[in-house]
Amino acid sequence: MVSCGSPNVSGSGSSKEHHNQPFPGQLIKRRKRHRRKHVQNQEPCLMRGVYFKNMKWQAAIKVDKKQIHLGTVGSQEEAARLYDRAAFMCGREPNFELSKEEKQELRNFKWDEFLAYTRHSITNKKSKRRLGIRPQKSSEPAIENGQ
């Protein structure tokens, strides 16, 4: 004999719903599983501090066990140059060798000033690109050329 309150009773589909729910009458929200989009022609990232996310190249560095986002750019090499400048500021090994002028310029900055300057120059570049204005290299500081 099987009692009516048993979860084995398959009289209706609602018994299965009540069995899985922690509280009767309350729906369980299930999260969708998001898979990373696989890009066909994406080249693998071989450089330190560079990764590909949301169809863009991003640069980041870890300082004091915290990951600091340096910027989002259009190419892998630009992101590597961003990382290299931050690596120089932290005393780490860069992907590419920096020029003497770049090193001298970076020595004048404190870490917070460097981050603000770098992020401002990237944002400035993006806003000019949206407006259709071509960036002029002569009026921009040397950080534009170093990326």
N, C-alpha and C. Protein backbone atom coordinates (compact mmCIF):
# COMPACT_ATOMS: atom_id res chain seq x y z
N MET A 1 0.83 -1.17 0.00
CA MET A 1 0.00 0.00 0.00
C MET A 1 0.88 1.24 0.00
N VAL A 2 0.39 2.20 -0.74
CA VAL A 2 1.11 3.46 -0.86
C VAL A 2 0.21 4.55 -0.31
N SER A 3 0.73 5.35 0.58
CA SER A 3 -0.08 6.43 1.15
C SER A 3 -0.14 7.60 0.18
N CYS A 4 -1.13 8.47 0.37
CA CYS A 4 -1.35 9.58 -0.56
C CYS A 4 -0.28 10.66 -0.45
N GLY A 5 0.36 10.83 0.67
CA GLY A 5 1.34 11.91 0.86
C GLY A 5 2.74 11.54 0.38
N SER A 6 2.92 10.33 -0.13
CA SER A 6 4.24 9.88 -0.53
C SER A 6 4.68 10.56 -1.83
N PRO A 7 5.96 10.92 -1.95
CA PRO A 7 6.46 11.55 -3.17
C PRO A 7 6.49 10.57 -4.34
N ASN A 8 6.29 9.25 -4.09
CA ASN A 8 6.31 8.26 -5.16
C ASN A 8 5.01 8.24 -5.96
N VAL A 9 3.99 8.88 -5.46
CA VAL A 9 2.71 8.88 -6.14
C VAL A 9 2.84 9.76 -7.38
N SER A 10 2.47 9.24 -8.52
CA SER A 10 2.60 10.00 -9.75
C SER A 10 1.22 10.31 -10.32
N GLY A 11 0.29 10.70 -9.49
CA GLY A 11 -1.06 11.00 -9.92
C GLY A 11 -1.12 12.27 -10.76
N SER A 12 -0.28 13.27 -10.48
CA SER A 12 -0.26 14.50 -11.26
C SER A 12 1.17 15.02 -11.34
N GLY A 13 1.39 15.95 -12.25
CA GLY A 13 2.72 16.53 -12.43
C GLY A 13 3.09 17.49 -11.31
N SER A 14 2.13 17.92 -10.53
CA SER A 14 2.39 18.91 -9.48
C SER A 14 3.15 18.32 -8.30
N SER A 15 3.06 17.00 -8.10
CA SER A 15 3.78 16.40 -6.97
C SER A 15 5.29 16.52 -7.16
N LYS A 16 5.74 16.50 -8.41
CA LYS A 16 7.16 16.64 -8.69
C LYS A 16 7.62 18.07 -8.36
N GLU A 17 6.79 19.07 -8.68
CA GLU A 17 7.12 20.46 -8.39
C GLU A 17 7.19 20.69 -6.88
N HIS A 18 6.24 20.13 -6.13
CA HIS A 18 6.23 20.33 -4.68
C HIS A 18 7.41 19.65 -4.03
N HIS A 19 7.87 18.54 -4.60
CA HIS A 19 8.98 17.80 -4.02
C HIS A 19 10.29 18.61 -4.15
N ASN A 20 10.50 19.33 -5.27
CA ASN A 20 11.74 20.06 -5.49
C ASN A 20 11.77 21.43 -4.83
N GLN A 21 10.62 21.96 -4.46
CA GLN A 21 10.57 23.30 -3.91
C GLN A 21 10.78 23.27 -2.40
N PRO A 22 11.60 24.20 -1.90
CA PRO A 22 11.83 24.24 -0.45
C PRO A 22 10.58 24.66 0.31
N PHE A 23 9.80 25.56 -0.28
CA PHE A 23 8.56 26.02 0.35
C PHE A 23 7.43 25.85 -0.67
N PRO A 24 6.35 25.21 -0.30
CA PRO A 24 5.27 25.00 -1.25
C PRO A 24 4.70 26.34 -1.75
N GLY A 25 4.43 26.39 -3.06
CA GLY A 25 3.86 27.58 -3.65
C GLY A 25 4.87 28.64 -4.04
N GLN A 26 6.16 28.40 -3.79
CA GLN A 26 7.20 29.37 -4.13
C GLN A 26 8.02 28.82 -5.29
N LEU A 27 8.18 29.61 -6.34
CA LEU A 27 8.94 29.16 -7.50
C LEU A 27 10.43 29.26 -7.25
N ILE A 28 11.17 28.34 -7.82
CA ILE A 28 12.63 28.35 -7.72
C ILE A 28 13.18 29.02 -8.97
N LYS A 29 14.00 30.03 -8.78
CA LYS A 29 14.63 30.67 -9.92
C LYS A 29 15.91 29.90 -10.25
N ARG A 30 16.02 29.56 -11.50
CA ARG A 30 17.23 28.86 -11.95
C ARG A 30 18.05 29.80 -12.80
N ARG A 31 19.33 29.80 -12.59
CA ARG A 31 20.22 30.66 -13.36
C ARG A 31 20.58 29.99 -14.68
N LYS A 32 20.68 30.80 -15.70
CA LYS A 32 21.10 30.28 -16.99
C LYS A 32 22.61 30.10 -16.96
N ARG A 33 23.06 29.09 -17.62
CA ARG A 33 24.49 28.87 -17.73
C ARG A 33 24.99 29.61 -18.96
N HIS A 34 25.92 30.51 -18.74
CA HIS A 34 26.47 31.27 -19.86
C HIS A 34 27.78 30.63 -20.27
N ARG A 35 27.88 30.35 -21.53
CA ARG A 35 29.13 29.81 -22.05
C ARG A 35 29.91 30.93 -22.70
N ARG A 36 31.22 30.85 -22.59
CA ARG A 36 32.05 31.86 -23.24
C ARG A 36 31.94 31.70 -24.74
N LYS A 37 31.84 32.83 -25.39
CA LYS A 37 31.77 32.79 -26.84
C LYS A 37 33.14 32.44 -27.38
N HIS A 38 33.17 31.49 -28.29
CA HIS A 38 34.42 31.09 -28.90
C HIS A 38 34.59 31.88 -30.19
N VAL A 39 35.62 32.66 -30.26
CA VAL A 39 35.86 33.46 -31.45
C VAL A 39 36.75 32.66 -32.39
N GLN A 40 36.32 32.53 -33.62
CA GLN A 40 37.02 31.69 -34.59
C GLN A 40 38.45 32.16 -34.84
N ASN A 41 38.62 33.43 -35.14
CA ASN A 41 39.93 33.93 -35.56
C ASN A 41 40.73 34.55 -34.42
N GLN A 42 40.36 34.27 -33.20
CA GLN A 42 41.05 34.88 -32.07
C GLN A 42 42.42 34.24 -31.88
N GLU A 43 43.43 35.08 -31.83
CA GLU A 43 44.77 34.58 -31.57
C GLU A 43 44.95 34.40 -30.07
N PRO A 44 45.66 33.38 -29.64
CA PRO A 44 45.83 33.19 -28.21
C PRO A 44 46.72 34.28 -27.62
N CYS A 45 46.44 34.65 -26.40
CA CYS A 45 47.21 35.70 -25.74
C CYS A 45 48.48 35.09 -25.14
N LEU A 46 49.61 35.57 -25.61
CA LEU A 46 50.88 35.05 -25.14
C LEU A 46 51.62 36.04 -24.24
N MET A 47 51.02 37.18 -24.02
CA MET A 47 51.71 38.23 -23.28
C MET A 47 51.18 38.35 -21.85
N ARG A 48 52.06 38.74 -20.97
CA ARG A 48 51.75 38.88 -19.56
C ARG A 48 50.82 40.07 -19.34
N GLY A 49 49.79 39.90 -18.51
CA GLY A 49 48.91 41.00 -18.14
C GLY A 49 47.86 41.36 -19.17
N VAL A 50 47.67 40.53 -20.18
CA VAL A 50 46.74 40.83 -21.28
C VAL A 50 45.73 39.70 -21.39
N TYR A 51 44.46 40.05 -21.56
CA TYR A 51 43.45 39.03 -21.79
C TYR A 51 42.36 39.57 -22.71
N PHE A 52 41.62 38.65 -23.31
CA PHE A 52 40.57 38.98 -24.27
C PHE A 52 39.23 38.77 -23.61
N LYS A 53 38.42 39.84 -23.54
CA LYS A 53 37.12 39.76 -22.88
C LYS A 53 36.16 40.71 -23.57
N ASN A 54 34.93 40.26 -23.77
CA ASN A 54 33.89 41.07 -24.42
C ASN A 54 34.35 41.61 -25.76
N MET A 55 35.01 40.76 -26.53
CA MET A 55 35.47 41.10 -27.87
C MET A 55 36.48 42.25 -27.89
N LYS A 56 37.20 42.47 -26.78
CA LYS A 56 38.20 43.52 -26.69
C LYS A 56 39.41 43.00 -25.92
N TRP A 57 40.53 43.64 -26.11
CA TRP A 57 41.73 43.31 -25.36
C TRP A 57 41.80 44.18 -24.12
N GLN A 58 42.11 43.55 -22.99
CA GLN A 58 42.18 44.29 -21.74
C GLN A 58 43.52 44.04 -21.07
N ALA A 59 43.98 45.05 -20.34
CA ALA A 59 45.24 44.94 -19.61
C ALA A 59 44.96 45.08 -18.12
N ALA A 60 45.64 44.27 -17.33
CA ALA A 60 45.48 44.31 -15.87
C ALA A 60 46.79 43.89 -15.22
N ILE A 61 46.98 44.34 -13.99
CA ILE A 61 48.18 43.96 -13.23
C ILE A 61 47.75 43.74 -11.78
N LYS A 62 48.42 42.80 -11.12
CA LYS A 62 48.12 42.56 -9.70
C LYS A 62 49.12 43.32 -8.85
N VAL A 63 48.57 44.10 -7.90
CA VAL A 63 49.40 44.85 -6.97
C VAL A 63 48.81 44.63 -5.59
N ASP A 64 49.62 44.15 -4.66
CA ASP A 64 49.18 43.87 -3.30
C ASP A 64 47.97 42.95 -3.28
N LYS A 65 48.01 41.89 -4.03
CA LYS A 65 46.96 40.86 -4.11
C LYS A 65 45.64 41.40 -4.66
N LYS A 66 45.67 42.54 -5.34
CA LYS A 66 44.48 43.09 -5.96
C LYS A 66 44.74 43.28 -7.44
N GLN A 67 43.79 42.87 -8.25
CA GLN A 67 43.93 43.05 -9.69
C GLN A 67 43.44 44.45 -10.06
N ILE A 68 44.28 45.20 -10.74
CA ILE A 68 43.95 46.56 -11.14
C ILE A 68 43.77 46.59 -12.65
N HIS A 69 42.59 47.01 -13.06
CA HIS A 69 42.29 47.11 -14.49
C HIS A 69 42.97 48.36 -15.04
N LEU A 70 43.78 48.18 -16.09
CA LEU A 70 44.52 49.30 -16.66
C LEU A 70 43.79 49.94 -17.82
N GLY A 71 43.05 49.14 -18.58
CA GLY A 71 42.33 49.72 -19.70
C GLY A 71 41.89 48.67 -20.70
N THR A 72 40.98 49.08 -21.57
CA THR A 72 40.47 48.24 -22.65
C THR A 72 40.85 48.89 -23.96
N VAL A 73 41.50 48.12 -24.82
CA VAL A 73 41.99 48.66 -26.09
C VAL A 73 41.64 47.72 -27.23
N GLY A 74 41.98 48.13 -28.43
CA GLY A 74 41.58 47.37 -29.62
C GLY A 74 42.52 46.25 -30.02
N SER A 75 43.78 46.30 -29.62
CA SER A 75 44.71 45.26 -30.06
C SER A 75 45.48 44.67 -28.88
N GLN A 76 46.00 43.49 -29.12
CA GLN A 76 46.75 42.77 -28.09
C GLN A 76 48.04 43.52 -27.77
N GLU A 77 48.68 44.08 -28.78
CA GLU A 77 49.94 44.79 -28.56
C GLU A 77 49.74 46.07 -27.74
N GLU A 78 48.65 46.78 -28.00
CA GLU A 78 48.35 47.98 -27.21
C GLU A 78 48.14 47.63 -25.74
N ALA A 79 47.43 46.54 -25.49
CA ALA A 79 47.19 46.11 -24.11
C ALA A 79 48.51 45.71 -23.45
N ALA A 80 49.39 45.07 -24.20
CA ALA A 80 50.69 44.67 -23.66
C ALA A 80 51.52 45.91 -23.31
N ARG A 81 51.43 46.95 -24.14
CA ARG A 81 52.16 48.20 -23.86
C ARG A 81 51.63 48.86 -22.59
N LEU A 82 50.31 48.81 -22.40
CA LEU A 82 49.72 49.35 -21.16
C LEU A 82 50.28 48.60 -19.95
N TYR A 83 50.29 47.28 -20.05
CA TYR A 83 50.80 46.46 -18.95
C TYR A 83 52.28 46.78 -18.69
N ASP A 84 53.05 46.96 -19.77
CA ASP A 84 54.49 47.21 -19.61
C ASP A 84 54.77 48.48 -18.83
N ARG A 85 53.99 49.51 -19.10
CA ARG A 85 54.19 50.76 -18.37
C ARG A 85 53.87 50.58 -16.88
N ALA A 86 52.80 49.85 -16.59
CA ALA A 86 52.46 49.58 -15.19
C ALA A 86 53.49 48.66 -14.54
N ALA A 87 54.00 47.70 -15.31
CA ALA A 87 55.00 46.78 -14.78
C ALA A 87 56.27 47.55 -14.42
N PHE A 88 56.64 48.52 -15.23
CA PHE A 88 57.81 49.34 -14.92
C PHE A 88 57.61 50.09 -13.61
N MET A 89 56.39 50.63 -13.42
CA MET A 89 56.09 51.37 -12.19
C MET A 89 56.17 50.47 -10.96
N CYS A 90 55.84 49.18 -11.13
CA CYS A 90 55.86 48.23 -10.00
C CYS A 90 57.18 47.49 -9.88
N GLY A 91 58.09 47.69 -10.84
CA GLY A 91 59.38 47.00 -10.79
C GLY A 91 59.31 45.57 -11.27
N ARG A 92 58.41 45.28 -12.19
CA ARG A 92 58.28 43.92 -12.73
C ARG A 92 58.80 43.86 -14.16
N GLU A 93 58.89 42.64 -14.65
CA GLU A 93 59.42 42.42 -16.00
C GLU A 93 58.35 42.73 -17.05
N PRO A 94 58.67 43.58 -18.04
CA PRO A 94 57.69 43.92 -19.08
C PRO A 94 57.69 42.91 -20.23
N ASN A 95 56.69 43.01 -21.08
CA ASN A 95 56.64 42.19 -22.30
C ASN A 95 57.61 42.72 -23.35
N PHE A 96 57.63 44.04 -23.53
CA PHE A 96 58.51 44.72 -24.47
C PHE A 96 59.40 45.68 -23.70
N GLU A 97 60.56 45.96 -24.24
CA GLU A 97 61.48 46.89 -23.58
C GLU A 97 60.98 48.33 -23.80
N LEU A 98 60.96 49.11 -22.73
CA LEU A 98 60.54 50.51 -22.82
C LEU A 98 61.72 51.38 -23.24
N SER A 99 61.42 52.47 -23.95
CA SER A 99 62.47 53.40 -24.37
C SER A 99 62.93 54.22 -23.16
N LYS A 100 64.09 54.87 -23.29
CA LYS A 100 64.62 55.69 -22.20
C LYS A 100 63.70 56.86 -21.90
N GLU A 101 63.08 57.43 -22.96
CA GLU A 101 62.18 58.57 -22.77
C GLU A 101 60.95 58.16 -21.96
N GLU A 102 60.41 56.98 -22.29
CA GLU A 102 59.25 56.49 -21.55
C GLU A 102 59.59 56.23 -20.09
N LYS A 103 60.73 55.62 -19.86
CA LYS A 103 61.15 55.34 -18.48
C LYS A 103 61.32 56.63 -17.69
N GLN A 104 61.92 57.64 -18.32
CA GLN A 104 62.12 58.92 -17.64
C GLN A 104 60.78 59.58 -17.33
N GLU A 105 59.85 59.50 -18.27
CA GLU A 105 58.52 60.08 -18.07
C GLU A 105 57.79 59.37 -16.92
N LEU A 106 57.89 58.04 -16.86
CA LEU A 106 57.19 57.27 -15.83
C LEU A 106 57.78 57.51 -14.44
N ARG A 107 59.06 57.83 -14.37
CA ARG A 107 59.69 58.09 -13.07
C ARG A 107 59.11 59.34 -12.40
N ASN A 108 58.54 60.25 -13.21
CA ASN A 108 57.97 61.49 -12.66
C ASN A 108 56.60 61.28 -12.02
N PHE A 109 55.98 60.14 -12.28
CA PHE A 109 54.64 59.87 -11.77
C PHE A 109 54.67 59.08 -10.47
N LYS A 110 53.67 59.33 -9.62
CA LYS A 110 53.37 58.43 -8.51
C LYS A 110 52.36 57.43 -9.04
N TRP A 111 52.14 56.33 -8.33
CA TRP A 111 51.28 55.26 -8.82
C TRP A 111 49.85 55.74 -9.11
N ASP A 112 49.25 56.47 -8.19
CA ASP A 112 47.87 56.94 -8.37
C ASP A 112 47.77 57.91 -9.55
N GLU A 113 48.77 58.79 -9.68
CA GLU A 113 48.79 59.72 -10.80
C GLU A 113 48.91 58.97 -12.12
N PHE A 114 49.74 57.94 -12.12
CA PHE A 114 49.94 57.14 -13.32
C PHE A 114 48.64 56.47 -13.76
N LEU A 115 47.91 55.86 -12.80
CA LEU A 115 46.64 55.21 -13.14
C LEU A 115 45.62 56.21 -13.67
N ALA A 116 45.51 57.35 -13.03
CA ALA A 116 44.55 58.36 -13.47
C ALA A 116 44.91 58.87 -14.86
N TYR A 117 46.17 59.12 -15.10
CA TYR A 117 46.64 59.61 -16.40
C TYR A 117 46.40 58.59 -17.51
N THR A 118 46.71 57.34 -17.23
CA THR A 118 46.53 56.27 -18.21
C THR A 118 45.06 56.10 -18.55
N ARG A 119 44.22 56.02 -17.55
CA ARG A 119 42.78 55.84 -17.79
C ARG A 119 42.18 57.04 -18.51
N HIS A 120 42.63 58.24 -18.16
CA HIS A 120 42.12 59.44 -18.81
C HIS A 120 42.50 59.46 -20.29
N SER A 121 43.72 59.06 -20.59
CA SER A 121 44.15 59.09 -21.99
C SER A 121 43.39 58.06 -22.82
N ILE A 122 43.06 56.90 -22.25
CA ILE A 122 42.29 55.89 -22.98
C ILE A 122 40.87 56.38 -23.20
N THR A 123 40.26 56.95 -22.18
CA THR A 123 38.90 57.47 -22.30
C THR A 123 38.85 58.60 -23.32
N ASN A 124 39.87 59.45 -23.29
CA ASN A 124 39.95 60.56 -24.22
C ASN A 124 40.04 60.06 -25.67
N LYS A 125 40.83 59.03 -25.87
CA LYS A 125 40.97 58.42 -27.20
C LYS A 125 39.64 57.88 -27.70
N LYS A 126 38.92 57.18 -26.82
CA LYS A 126 37.64 56.57 -27.20
C LYS A 126 36.61 57.63 -27.56
N SER A 127 36.55 58.70 -26.78
CA SER A 127 35.54 59.74 -27.06
C SER A 127 35.86 60.44 -28.38
N LYS A 128 37.12 60.65 -28.68
CA LYS A 128 37.49 61.26 -29.97
C LYS A 128 37.13 60.33 -31.12
N ARG A 129 37.34 59.02 -30.91
CA ARG A 129 37.03 58.04 -31.95
C ARG A 129 35.53 58.02 -32.23
N ARG A 130 34.70 58.14 -31.17
CA ARG A 130 33.25 58.15 -31.35
C ARG A 130 32.79 59.38 -32.12
N LEU A 131 33.45 60.50 -31.86
CA LEU A 131 33.07 61.74 -32.52
C LEU A 131 33.62 61.84 -33.95
N GLY A 132 34.53 60.95 -34.29
CA GLY A 132 35.10 60.95 -35.64
C GLY A 132 36.30 61.86 -35.77
N ILE A 133 36.87 62.28 -34.65
CA ILE A 133 38.05 63.15 -34.66
C ILE A 133 39.29 62.28 -34.65
N ARG A 134 40.19 62.57 -35.54
CA ARG A 134 41.46 61.83 -35.57
C ARG A 134 42.38 62.36 -34.48
N PRO A 135 42.96 61.46 -33.63
CA PRO A 135 43.87 61.94 -32.59
C PRO A 135 45.15 62.50 -33.20
N GLN A 136 45.58 63.66 -32.72
CA GLN A 136 46.81 64.27 -33.20
C GLN A 136 47.93 63.89 -32.26
N LYS A 137 48.95 63.29 -32.82
CA LYS A 137 50.04 62.79 -31.98
C LYS A 137 50.89 63.93 -31.42
N SER A 138 50.97 65.05 -32.12
CA SER A 138 51.82 66.14 -31.65
C SER A 138 51.25 66.81 -30.40
N SER A 139 49.90 66.92 -30.31
CA SER A 139 49.31 67.58 -29.14
C SER A 139 49.13 66.64 -27.96
N GLU A 140 49.11 65.35 -28.21
CA GLU A 140 48.94 64.37 -27.14
C GLU A 140 50.27 64.12 -26.45
N PRO A 141 50.27 63.83 -25.16
CA PRO A 141 51.52 63.50 -24.44
C PRO A 141 52.11 62.18 -24.93
N ALA A 142 53.30 61.88 -24.45
CA ALA A 142 54.04 60.71 -24.91
C ALA A 142 53.37 59.40 -24.54
N ILE A 143 52.42 59.38 -23.59
CA ILE A 143 51.78 58.12 -23.21
C ILE A 143 50.99 57.54 -24.37
N GLU A 144 50.48 58.39 -25.26
CA GLU A 144 49.74 57.91 -26.43
C GLU A 144 50.64 57.09 -27.34
N ASN A 145 51.88 57.55 -27.49
CA ASN A 145 52.81 56.85 -28.37
C ASN A 145 53.32 55.57 -27.74
N GLY A 146 53.34 55.50 -26.42
CA GLY A 146 53.87 54.33 -25.71
C GLY A 146 52.92 53.17 -25.65
N GLN A 147 51.66 53.37 -26.03
CA GLN A 147 50.70 52.29 -25.94
C GLN A 147 50.82 51.47 -27.16
